[in-house]
Amino acid sequence: MTLRLPKAELPAELKENMIKQLGAVPENGEVLWHSPRVTQDNLEFGARVGEWDAVDPVLKSFAHMAAIRSF
């Protein structure tokens, strides 16, 4: 028994924009399209995260400690 949701057909304009931005249409975008509002919010959040260009200094120090500890 499979619990996977089938892929939904995306509007052509959205599909073209995804290909321009990401190089391909992500599978989760096609599955999430069953709920367009969720898909739109997910894409907007991803775009905002993509704009981040710096890490909080405290988080950066934690990342360094974790990397050193793993050796």
PDB file of N, CA and C in Angstrom:
ATOM      1  N   MET A   1       0.848  -1.182   0.000  1.00  0.00           N
ATOM      2  CA  MET A   1       0.000   0.000   0.000  1.00  0.00           C
ATOM      3  C   MET A   1       0.892   1.243   0.000  1.00  0.00           C
ATOM      4  N   THR A   2       0.658   2.114  -0.917  1.00  0.00           N
ATOM      5  CA  THR A   2       1.435   3.347  -0.997  1.00  0.00           C
ATOM      6  C   THR A   2       0.631   4.505  -0.412  1.00  0.00           C
ATOM      7  N   LEU A   3       1.303   5.351   0.320  1.00  0.00           N
ATOM      8  CA  LEU A   3       0.649   6.509   0.920  1.00  0.00           C
ATOM      9  C   LEU A   3       1.024   7.805   0.215  1.00  0.00           C
ATOM     10  N   ARG A   4       1.737   7.693  -0.894  1.00  0.00           N
ATOM     11  CA  ARG A   4       2.155   8.887  -1.623  1.00  0.00           C
ATOM     12  C   ARG A   4       0.969   9.587  -2.268  1.00  0.00           C
ATOM     13  N   LEU A   5       1.014  10.903  -2.271  1.00  0.00           N
ATOM     14  CA  LEU A   5       0.009  11.695  -2.965  1.00  0.00           C
ATOM     15  C   LEU A   5       0.410  11.803  -4.433  1.00  0.00           C
ATOM     16  N   PRO A   6      -0.546  11.773  -5.313  1.00  0.00           N
ATOM     17  CA  PRO A   6      -0.202  11.943  -6.731  1.00  0.00           C
ATOM     18  C   PRO A   6       0.205  13.390  -7.007  1.00  0.00           C
ATOM     19  N   LYS A   7       0.998  13.579  -8.041  1.00  0.00           N
ATOM     20  CA  LYS A   7       1.403  14.926  -8.434  1.00  0.00           C
ATOM     21  C   LYS A   7       0.227  15.635  -9.091  1.00  0.00           C
ATOM     22  N   ALA A   8       0.099  16.907  -8.796  1.00  0.00           N
ATOM     23  CA  ALA A   8      -0.939  17.725  -9.417  1.00  0.00           C
ATOM     24  C   ALA A   8      -0.319  18.478 -10.593  1.00  0.00           C
ATOM     25  N   GLU A   9      -1.135  18.842 -11.544  1.00  0.00           N
ATOM     26  CA  GLU A   9      -0.665  19.599 -12.706  1.00  0.00           C
ATOM     27  C   GLU A   9      -0.548  21.072 -12.315  1.00  0.00           C
ATOM     28  N   LEU A  10       0.653  21.625 -12.451  1.00  0.00           N
ATOM     29  CA  LEU A  10       0.897  23.024 -12.107  1.00  0.00           C
ATOM     30  C   LEU A  10       0.521  23.926 -13.278  1.00  0.00           C
ATOM     31  N   PRO A  11       0.104  25.157 -12.987  1.00  0.00           N
ATOM     32  CA  PRO A  11      -0.130  26.119 -14.068  1.00  0.00           C
ATOM     33  C   PRO A  11       1.178  26.363 -14.831  1.00  0.00           C
ATOM     34  N   ALA A  12       1.072  26.586 -16.119  1.00  0.00           N
ATOM     35  CA  ALA A  12       2.248  26.743 -16.980  1.00  0.00           C
ATOM     36  C   ALA A  12       3.164  27.869 -16.508  1.00  0.00           C
ATOM     37  N   GLU A  13       2.585  28.993 -16.100  1.00  0.00           N
ATOM     38  CA  GLU A  13       3.389  30.143 -15.659  1.00  0.00           C
ATOM     39  C   GLU A  13       4.203  29.799 -14.408  1.00  0.00           C
ATOM     40  N   LEU A  14       3.577  29.119 -13.463  1.00  0.00           N
ATOM     41  CA  LEU A  14       4.274  28.726 -12.241  1.00  0.00           C
ATOM     42  C   LEU A  14       5.391  27.733 -12.553  1.00  0.00           C
ATOM     43  N   LYS A  15       5.092  26.806 -13.431  1.00  0.00           N
ATOM     44  CA  LYS A  15       6.081  25.797 -13.827  1.00  0.00           C
ATOM     45  C   LYS A  15       7.299  26.468 -14.477  1.00  0.00           C
ATOM     46  N   GLU A  16       7.059  27.425 -15.360  1.00  0.00           N
ATOM     47  CA  GLU A  16       8.142  28.142 -16.034  1.00  0.00           C
ATOM     48  C   GLU A  16       8.986  28.922 -15.035  1.00  0.00           C
ATOM     49  N   ASN A  17       8.329  29.590 -14.076  1.00  0.00           N
ATOM     50  CA  ASN A  17       9.062  30.354 -13.067  1.00  0.00           C
ATOM     51  C   ASN A  17       9.932  29.447 -12.202  1.00  0.00           C
ATOM     52  N   MET A  18       9.416  28.278 -11.841  1.00  0.00           N
ATOM     53  CA  MET A  18      10.201  27.340 -11.034  1.00  0.00           C
ATOM     54  C   MET A  18      11.422  26.863 -11.810  1.00  0.00           C
ATOM     55  N   ILE A  19      11.241  26.595 -13.084  1.00  0.00           N
ATOM     56  CA  ILE A  19      12.364  26.134 -13.901  1.00  0.00           C
ATOM     57  C   ILE A  19      13.417  27.235 -14.021  1.00  0.00           C
ATOM     58  N   LYS A  20      12.980  28.487 -14.170  1.00  0.00           N
ATOM     59  CA  LYS A  20      13.923  29.603 -14.249  1.00  0.00           C
ATOM     60  C   LYS A  20      14.702  29.756 -12.945  1.00  0.00           C
ATOM     61  N   GLN A  21      13.995  29.690 -11.817  1.00  0.00           N
ATOM     62  CA  GLN A  21      14.623  29.929 -10.523  1.00  0.00           C
ATOM     63  C   GLN A  21      15.420  28.738 -10.018  1.00  0.00           C
ATOM     64  N   LEU A  22      14.904  27.531 -10.215  1.00  0.00           N
ATOM     65  CA  LEU A  22      15.490  26.352  -9.594  1.00  0.00           C
ATOM     66  C   LEU A  22      16.139  25.386 -10.572  1.00  0.00           C
ATOM     67  N   GLY A  23      15.868  25.575 -11.858  1.00  0.00           N
ATOM     68  CA  GLY A  23      16.429  24.676 -12.848  1.00  0.00           C
ATOM     69  C   GLY A  23      15.546  23.474 -13.146  1.00  0.00           C
ATOM     70  N   ALA A  24      14.545  23.235 -12.310  1.00  0.00           N
ATOM     71  CA  ALA A  24      13.605  22.122 -12.490  1.00  0.00           C
ATOM     72  C   ALA A  24      12.396  22.373 -11.601  1.00  0.00           C
ATOM     73  N   VAL A  25      11.381  21.590 -11.796  1.00  0.00           N
ATOM     74  CA  VAL A  25      10.187  21.690 -10.950  1.00  0.00           C
ATOM     75  C   VAL A  25      10.347  20.680  -9.811  1.00  0.00           C
ATOM     76  N   PRO A  26      10.428  21.151  -8.567  1.00  0.00           N
ATOM     77  CA  PRO A  26      10.581  20.226  -7.445  1.00  0.00           C
ATOM     78  C   PRO A  26       9.357  19.325  -7.294  1.00  0.00           C
ATOM     79  N   GLU A  27       9.604  18.074  -6.987  1.00  0.00           N
ATOM     80  CA  GLU A  27       8.513  17.116  -6.840  1.00  0.00           C
ATOM     81  C   GLU A  27       7.552  17.536  -5.730  1.00  0.00           C
ATOM     82  N   ASN A  28       8.099  18.080  -4.637  1.00  0.00           N
ATOM     83  CA  ASN A  28       7.203  18.471  -3.551  1.00  0.00           C
ATOM     84  C   ASN A  28       6.269  19.613  -3.962  1.00  0.00           C
ATOM     85  N   GLY A  29       6.698  20.455  -4.902  1.00  0.00           N
ATOM     86  CA  GLY A  29       5.832  21.533  -5.386  1.00  0.00           C
ATOM     87  C   GLY A  29       4.623  20.987  -6.118  1.00  0.00           C
ATOM     88  N   GLU A  30       4.845  19.934  -6.885  1.00  0.00           N
ATOM     89  CA  GLU A  30       3.735  19.315  -7.620  1.00  0.00           C
ATOM     90  C   GLU A  30       2.770  18.615  -6.660  1.00  0.00           C
ATOM     91  N   VAL A  31       3.304  18.030  -5.599  1.00  0.00           N
ATOM     92  CA  VAL A  31       2.442  17.347  -4.635  1.00  0.00           C
ATOM     93  C   VAL A  31       1.707  18.368  -3.771  1.00  0.00           C
ATOM     94  N   LEU A  32       2.412  19.424  -3.358  1.00  0.00           N
ATOM     95  CA  LEU A  32       1.792  20.443  -2.513  1.00  0.00           C
ATOM     96  C   LEU A  32       0.717  21.239  -3.257  1.00  0.00           C
ATOM     97  N   TRP A  33       0.755  21.219  -4.587  1.00  0.00           N
ATOM     98  CA  TRP A  33      -0.183  22.027  -5.361  1.00  0.00           C
ATOM     99  C   TRP A  33      -1.638  21.615  -5.129  1.00  0.00           C
ATOM    100  N   HIS A  34      -1.868  20.476  -4.500  1.00  0.00           N
ATOM    101  CA  HIS A  34      -3.238  20.102  -4.141  1.00  0.00           C
ATOM    102  C   HIS A  34      -3.815  21.132  -3.180  1.00  0.00           C
ATOM    103  N   SER A  35      -2.935  21.845  -2.484  1.00  0.00           N
ATOM    104  CA  SER A  35      -3.338  22.947  -1.615  1.00  0.00           C
ATOM    105  C   SER A  35      -2.526  24.174  -2.051  1.00  0.00           C
ATOM    106  N   PRO A  36      -3.027  24.928  -3.014  1.00  0.00           N
ATOM    107  CA  PRO A  36      -2.262  26.048  -3.566  1.00  0.00           C
ATOM    108  C   PRO A  36      -1.794  27.068  -2.527  1.00  0.00           C
ATOM    109  N   ARG A  37      -2.589  27.287  -1.498  1.00  0.00           N
ATOM    110  CA  ARG A  37      -2.198  28.261  -0.476  1.00  0.00           C
ATOM    111  C   ARG A  37      -0.950  27.788   0.272  1.00  0.00           C
ATOM    112  N   VAL A  38      -0.905  26.507   0.614  1.00  0.00           N
ATOM    113  CA  VAL A  38       0.269  25.941   1.280  1.00  0.00           C
ATOM    114  C   VAL A  38       1.479  26.028   0.357  1.00  0.00           C
ATOM    115  N   THR A  39       1.286  25.724  -0.908  1.00  0.00           N
ATOM    116  CA  THR A  39       2.381  25.780  -1.873  1.00  0.00           C
ATOM    117  C   THR A  39       2.931  27.194  -1.975  1.00  0.00           C
ATOM    118  N   GLN A  40       2.055  28.167  -2.082  1.00  0.00           N
ATOM    119  CA  GLN A  40       2.485  29.560  -2.210  1.00  0.00           C
ATOM    120  C   GLN A  40       3.256  30.002  -0.973  1.00  0.00           C
ATOM    121  N   ASP A  41       2.748  29.676   0.215  1.00  0.00           N
ATOM    122  CA  ASP A  41       3.440  30.037   1.445  1.00  0.00           C
ATOM    123  C   ASP A  41       4.806  29.365   1.524  1.00  0.00           C
ATOM    124  N   ASN A  42       4.880  28.114   1.104  1.00  0.00           N
ATOM    125  CA  ASN A  42       6.138  27.377   1.105  1.00  0.00           C
ATOM    126  C   ASN A  42       7.148  28.037   0.161  1.00  0.00           C
ATOM    127  N   LEU A  43       6.714  28.417  -1.018  1.00  0.00           N
ATOM    128  CA  LEU A  43       7.607  29.064  -1.980  1.00  0.00           C
ATOM    129  C   LEU A  43       8.075  30.429  -1.482  1.00  0.00           C
ATOM    130  N   GLU A  44       7.164  31.190  -0.857  1.00  0.00           N
ATOM    131  CA  GLU A  44       7.537  32.499  -0.324  1.00  0.00           C
ATOM    132  C   GLU A  44       8.558  32.359   0.799  1.00  0.00           C
ATOM    133  N   PHE A  45       8.345  31.381   1.685  1.00  0.00           N
ATOM    134  CA  PHE A  45       9.285  31.163   2.774  1.00  0.00           C
ATOM    135  C   PHE A  45      10.654  30.766   2.223  1.00  0.00           C
ATOM    136  N   GLY A  46      10.663  29.877   1.250  1.00  0.00           N
ATOM    137  CA  GLY A  46      11.916  29.463   0.635  1.00  0.00           C
ATOM    138  C   GLY A  46      12.647  30.631  -0.007  1.00  0.00           C
ATOM    139  N   ALA A  47      11.911  31.529  -0.633  1.00  0.00           N
ATOM    140  CA  ALA A  47      12.528  32.700  -1.259  1.00  0.00           C
ATOM    141  C   ALA A  47      13.137  33.615  -0.199  1.00  0.00           C
ATOM    142  N   ARG A  48      12.440  33.784   0.924  1.00  0.00           N
ATOM    143  CA  ARG A  48      12.979  34.624   1.999  1.00  0.00           C
ATOM    144  C   ARG A  48      14.254  34.017   2.576  1.00  0.00           C
ATOM    145  N   VAL A  49      14.251  32.719   2.772  1.00  0.00           N
ATOM    146  CA  VAL A  49      15.443  32.051   3.309  1.00  0.00           C
ATOM    147  C   VAL A  49      16.598  32.184   2.320  1.00  0.00           C
ATOM    148  N   GLY A  50      16.300  32.102   1.046  1.00  0.00           N
ATOM    149  CA  GLY A  50      17.331  32.238   0.028  1.00  0.00           C
ATOM    150  C   GLY A  50      17.992  33.606   0.018  1.00  0.00           C
ATOM    151  N   GLU A  51      17.334  34.601   0.565  1.00  0.00           N
ATOM    152  CA  GLU A  51      17.891  35.954   0.609  1.00  0.00           C
ATOM    153  C   GLU A  51      18.849  36.157   1.778  1.00  0.00           C
ATOM    154  N   TRP A  52      18.850  35.241   2.730  1.00  0.00           N
ATOM    155  CA  TRP A  52      19.750  35.381   3.873  1.00  0.00           C
ATOM    156  C   TRP A  52      21.184  35.340   3.384  1.00  0.00           C
ATOM    157  N   ASP A  53      22.002  36.239   3.909  1.00  0.00           N
ATOM    158  CA  ASP A  53      23.401  36.246   3.492  1.00  0.00           C
ATOM    159  C   ASP A  53      24.369  36.164   4.665  1.00  0.00           C
ATOM    160  N   ALA A  54      23.853  36.053   5.866  1.00  0.00           N
ATOM    161  CA  ALA A  54      24.736  35.995   7.032  1.00  0.00           C
ATOM    162  C   ALA A  54      24.131  35.117   8.110  1.00  0.00           C
ATOM    163  N   VAL A  55      24.987  34.582   8.928  1.00  0.00           N
ATOM    164  CA  VAL A  55      24.557  33.759  10.053  1.00  0.00           C
ATOM    165  C   VAL A  55      24.743  34.574  11.324  1.00  0.00           C
ATOM    166  N   ASP A  56      23.823  34.431  12.248  1.00  0.00           N
ATOM    167  CA  ASP A  56      23.957  35.075  13.539  1.00  0.00           C
ATOM    168  C   ASP A  56      25.292  34.655  14.158  1.00  0.00           C
ATOM    169  N   PRO A  57      26.060  35.581  14.713  1.00  0.00           N
ATOM    170  CA  PRO A  57      27.374  35.229  15.261  1.00  0.00           C
ATOM    171  C   PRO A  57      27.340  34.112  16.314  1.00  0.00           C
ATOM    172  N   VAL A  58      26.298  34.072  17.123  1.00  0.00           N
ATOM    173  CA  VAL A  58      26.197  33.021  18.140  1.00  0.00           C
ATOM    174  C   VAL A  58      26.021  31.658  17.469  1.00  0.00           C
ATOM    175  N   LEU A  59      25.154  31.594  16.461  1.00  0.00           N
ATOM    176  CA  LEU A  59      24.959  30.338  15.750  1.00  0.00           C
ATOM    177  C   LEU A  59      26.220  29.919  15.008  1.00  0.00           C
ATOM    178  N   LYS A  60      26.951  30.904  14.500  1.00  0.00           N
ATOM    179  CA  LYS A  60      28.182  30.605  13.795  1.00  0.00           C
ATOM    180  C   LYS A  60      29.194  29.952  14.735  1.00  0.00           C
ATOM    181  N   SER A  61      29.282  30.462  15.966  1.00  0.00           N
ATOM    182  CA  SER A  61      30.227  29.866  16.923  1.00  0.00           C
ATOM    183  C   SER A  61      29.802  28.444  17.287  1.00  0.00           C
ATOM    184  N   PHE A  62      28.495  28.196  17.418  1.00  0.00           N
ATOM    185  CA  PHE A  62      28.009  26.832  17.689  1.00  0.00           C
ATOM    186  C   PHE A  62      28.373  25.897  16.536  1.00  0.00           C
ATOM    187  N   ALA A  63      28.234  26.360  15.327  1.00  0.00           N
ATOM    188  CA  ALA A  63      28.559  25.548  14.156  1.00  0.00           C
ATOM    189  C   ALA A  63      30.048  25.205  14.151  1.00  0.00           C
ATOM    190  N   HIS A  64      30.886  26.180  14.504  1.00  0.00           N
ATOM    191  CA  HIS A  64      32.323  25.913  14.554  1.00  0.00           C
ATOM    192  C   HIS A  64      32.640  24.879  15.628  1.00  0.00           C
ATOM    193  N   MET A  65      32.003  25.016  16.798  1.00  0.00           N
ATOM    194  CA  MET A  65      32.252  24.053  17.876  1.00  0.00           C
ATOM    195  C   MET A  65      31.809  22.656  17.466  1.00  0.00           C
ATOM    196  N   ALA A  66      30.686  22.556  16.806  1.00  0.00           N
ATOM    197  CA  ALA A  66      30.186  21.256  16.377  1.00  0.00           C
ATOM    198  C   ALA A  66      31.114  20.634  15.337  1.00  0.00           C
ATOM    199  N   ALA A  67      31.641  21.440  14.441  1.00  0.00           N
ATOM    200  CA  ALA A  67      32.545  20.932  13.415  1.00  0.00           C
ATOM    201  C   ALA A  67      33.852  20.448  14.032  1.00  0.00           C
ATOM    202  N   ILE A  68      34.364  21.186  15.001  1.00  0.00           N
ATOM    203  CA  ILE A  68      35.613  20.794  15.660  1.00  0.00           C
ATOM    204  C   ILE A  68      35.411  19.517  16.466  1.00  0.00           C
ATOM    205  N   ARG A  69      34.266  19.422  17.124  1.00  0.00           N
ATOM    206  CA  ARG A  69      34.003  18.269  17.972  1.00  0.00           C
ATOM    207  C   ARG A  69      33.872  16.990  17.156  1.00  0.00           C
ATOM    208  N   SER A  70      33.446  17.090  15.909  1.00  0.00           N
ATOM    209  CA  SER A  70      33.222  15.900  15.109  1.00  0.00           C
ATOM    210  C   SER A  70      34.522  15.253  14.651  1.00  0.00           C
ATOM    211  N   PHE A  71      35.656  15.942  14.786  1.00  0.00           N
ATOM    212  CA  PHE A  71      36.939  15.350  14.369  1.00  0.00           C
ATOM    213  C   PHE A  71      37.519  14.489  15.406  1.00  0.00           C
TER     214      PHE A  71
END
